[in-house]
Amino acid sequence: MFGKLGMPELVVILVIALVIFGPAKLPEIGKAFGRGISEFKSHAKKISEDVDEDEK
């Protein structure tokens, strides 16, 4: 029940973000969030590769 976000929840989050930040800032915030997730994934992959390498 708690770990799943459905469409209604995402719409509510988007509306709240729109009210707080305004329509001009949302694309900028989205790009920054996307870059952050991308960096996190690349670092997690690097750590996973290092752990696998050390196990050999």
N, C-alpha and C. Protein backbone atom coordinates (compact mmCIF):
# COMPACT_ATOMS: atom_id res chain seq x y z
N MET A 1 0.83 -1.19 0.00
CA MET A 1 0.00 0.00 0.00
C MET A 1 0.87 1.24 0.00
N PHE A 2 1.87 1.32 0.89
CA PHE A 2 2.69 2.52 0.96
C PHE A 2 3.81 2.45 -0.04
N GLY A 3 4.32 2.21 -0.81
CA GLY A 3 5.44 2.24 -1.72
C GLY A 3 5.01 2.41 -3.15
N LYS A 4 3.72 2.47 -3.38
CA LYS A 4 3.26 2.59 -4.76
C LYS A 4 2.60 3.95 -4.96
N LEU A 5 3.04 4.65 -5.96
CA LEU A 5 2.42 5.93 -6.32
C LEU A 5 1.57 5.72 -7.56
N GLY A 6 0.32 6.02 -7.44
CA GLY A 6 -0.57 5.92 -8.59
C GLY A 6 -0.70 7.27 -9.28
N MET A 7 -1.52 7.32 -10.29
CA MET A 7 -1.72 8.54 -11.05
C MET A 7 -2.30 9.67 -10.19
N PRO A 8 -3.29 9.41 -9.33
CA PRO A 8 -3.83 10.51 -8.52
C PRO A 8 -2.78 11.13 -7.59
N GLU A 9 -1.92 10.31 -7.02
CA GLU A 9 -0.87 10.83 -6.14
C GLU A 9 0.12 11.69 -6.92
N LEU A 10 0.49 11.22 -8.12
CA LEU A 10 1.44 11.99 -8.94
C LEU A 10 0.83 13.34 -9.36
N VAL A 11 -0.45 13.35 -9.67
CA VAL A 11 -1.12 14.60 -10.04
C VAL A 11 -1.11 15.57 -8.86
N VAL A 12 -1.39 15.07 -7.67
CA VAL A 12 -1.38 15.93 -6.48
C VAL A 12 0.01 16.49 -6.24
N ILE A 13 1.04 15.67 -6.37
CA ILE A 13 2.42 16.14 -6.18
C ILE A 13 2.76 17.19 -7.23
N LEU A 14 2.37 16.98 -8.47
CA LEU A 14 2.64 17.94 -9.54
C LEU A 14 1.94 19.27 -9.28
N VAL A 15 0.69 19.22 -8.84
CA VAL A 15 -0.05 20.45 -8.55
C VAL A 15 0.59 21.21 -7.40
N ILE A 16 1.00 20.51 -6.36
CA ILE A 16 1.67 21.16 -5.23
C ILE A 16 2.98 21.80 -5.68
N ALA A 17 3.76 21.09 -6.49
CA ALA A 17 5.01 21.64 -7.00
C ALA A 17 4.75 22.86 -7.87
N LEU A 18 3.70 22.82 -8.67
CA LEU A 18 3.35 23.94 -9.53
C LEU A 18 3.00 25.17 -8.70
N VAL A 19 2.25 24.97 -7.62
CA VAL A 19 1.87 26.08 -6.75
C VAL A 19 3.09 26.65 -6.03
N ILE A 20 3.96 25.78 -5.55
CA ILE A 20 5.12 26.24 -4.77
C ILE A 20 6.16 26.92 -5.66
N PHE A 21 6.53 26.29 -6.76
CA PHE A 21 7.64 26.78 -7.57
C PHE A 21 7.22 27.60 -8.78
N GLY A 22 6.04 27.45 -9.26
CA GLY A 22 5.59 28.18 -10.44
C GLY A 22 5.95 27.43 -11.71
N PRO A 23 5.26 27.78 -12.80
CA PRO A 23 5.47 27.05 -14.05
C PRO A 23 6.84 27.29 -14.70
N ALA A 24 7.48 28.40 -14.41
CA ALA A 24 8.77 28.69 -15.03
C ALA A 24 9.90 27.84 -14.45
N LYS A 25 9.81 27.48 -13.19
CA LYS A 25 10.88 26.73 -12.53
C LYS A 25 10.75 25.22 -12.66
N LEU A 26 9.56 24.71 -12.98
CA LEU A 26 9.37 23.26 -13.00
C LEU A 26 10.29 22.53 -13.98
N PRO A 27 10.48 23.00 -15.23
CA PRO A 27 11.40 22.28 -16.12
C PRO A 27 12.83 22.26 -15.59
N GLU A 28 13.25 23.35 -14.98
CA GLU A 28 14.59 23.43 -14.40
C GLU A 28 14.75 22.43 -13.25
N ILE A 29 13.74 22.35 -12.41
CA ILE A 29 13.76 21.42 -11.28
C ILE A 29 13.74 19.98 -11.79
N GLY A 30 12.96 19.71 -12.82
CA GLY A 30 12.89 18.37 -13.40
C GLY A 30 14.23 17.93 -13.98
N LYS A 31 14.91 18.84 -14.67
CA LYS A 31 16.23 18.52 -15.23
C LYS A 31 17.22 18.22 -14.12
N ALA A 32 17.21 19.03 -13.07
CA ALA A 32 18.13 18.82 -11.95
C ALA A 32 17.85 17.48 -11.26
N PHE A 33 16.57 17.17 -11.09
CA PHE A 33 16.19 15.89 -10.47
C PHE A 33 16.64 14.72 -11.35
N GLY A 34 16.46 14.83 -12.65
CA GLY A 34 16.89 13.79 -13.58
C GLY A 34 18.39 13.59 -13.55
N ARG A 35 19.14 14.70 -13.53
CA ARG A 35 20.59 14.60 -13.45
C ARG A 35 21.03 13.93 -12.15
N GLY A 36 20.35 14.26 -11.06
CA GLY A 36 20.68 13.67 -9.77
C GLY A 36 20.45 12.16 -9.77
N ILE A 37 19.33 11.74 -10.33
CA ILE A 37 19.04 10.30 -10.40
C ILE A 37 20.05 9.60 -11.30
N SER A 38 20.41 10.23 -12.41
CA SER A 38 21.39 9.65 -13.32
C SER A 38 22.75 9.48 -12.64
N GLU A 39 23.18 10.50 -11.91
CA GLU A 39 24.45 10.40 -11.19
C GLU A 39 24.40 9.32 -10.13
N PHE A 40 23.28 9.24 -9.42
CA PHE A 40 23.13 8.21 -8.40
C PHE A 40 23.24 6.81 -9.01
N LYS A 41 22.57 6.60 -10.15
CA LYS A 41 22.62 5.30 -10.82
C LYS A 41 24.04 4.96 -11.27
N SER A 42 24.74 5.95 -11.82
CA SER A 42 26.10 5.67 -12.30
C SER A 42 27.04 5.36 -11.14
N HIS A 43 26.89 6.06 -10.02
CA HIS A 43 27.72 5.77 -8.86
C HIS A 43 27.37 4.42 -8.25
N ALA A 44 26.10 4.08 -8.20
CA ALA A 44 25.68 2.78 -7.68
C ALA A 44 26.22 1.66 -8.57
N LYS A 45 26.21 1.87 -9.87
CA LYS A 45 26.75 0.86 -10.79
C LYS A 45 28.25 0.69 -10.57
N LYS A 46 28.95 1.81 -10.40
CA LYS A 46 30.40 1.77 -10.17
C LYS A 46 30.71 1.02 -8.88
N ILE A 47 29.96 1.29 -7.82
CA ILE A 47 30.18 0.61 -6.55
C ILE A 47 29.90 -0.88 -6.70
N SER A 48 28.83 -1.22 -7.40
CA SER A 48 28.49 -2.63 -7.63
C SER A 48 29.61 -3.34 -8.40
N GLU A 49 30.16 -2.68 -9.41
CA GLU A 49 31.25 -3.26 -10.17
C GLU A 49 32.48 -3.44 -9.30
N ASP A 50 32.77 -2.47 -8.44
CA ASP A 50 33.93 -2.57 -7.55
C ASP A 50 33.76 -3.73 -6.56
N VAL A 51 32.56 -3.91 -6.04
CA VAL A 51 32.30 -5.01 -5.11
C VAL A 51 32.45 -6.34 -5.82
N ASP A 52 31.91 -6.45 -7.03
CA ASP A 52 32.04 -7.69 -7.79
C ASP A 52 33.50 -7.98 -8.11
N GLU A 53 34.27 -6.95 -8.39
CA GLU A 53 35.68 -7.11 -8.70
C GLU A 53 36.45 -7.59 -7.47
N ASP A 54 36.11 -7.08 -6.31
CA ASP A 54 36.80 -7.46 -5.08
C ASP A 54 36.47 -8.89 -4.66
N GLU A 55 35.29 -9.38 -5.04
CA GLU A 55 34.90 -10.74 -4.68
C GLU A 55 35.67 -11.78 -5.47
N LYS A 56 36.22 -11.41 -6.60
CA LYS A 56 36.95 -12.37 -7.44
C LYS A 56 38.35 -12.62 -6.96
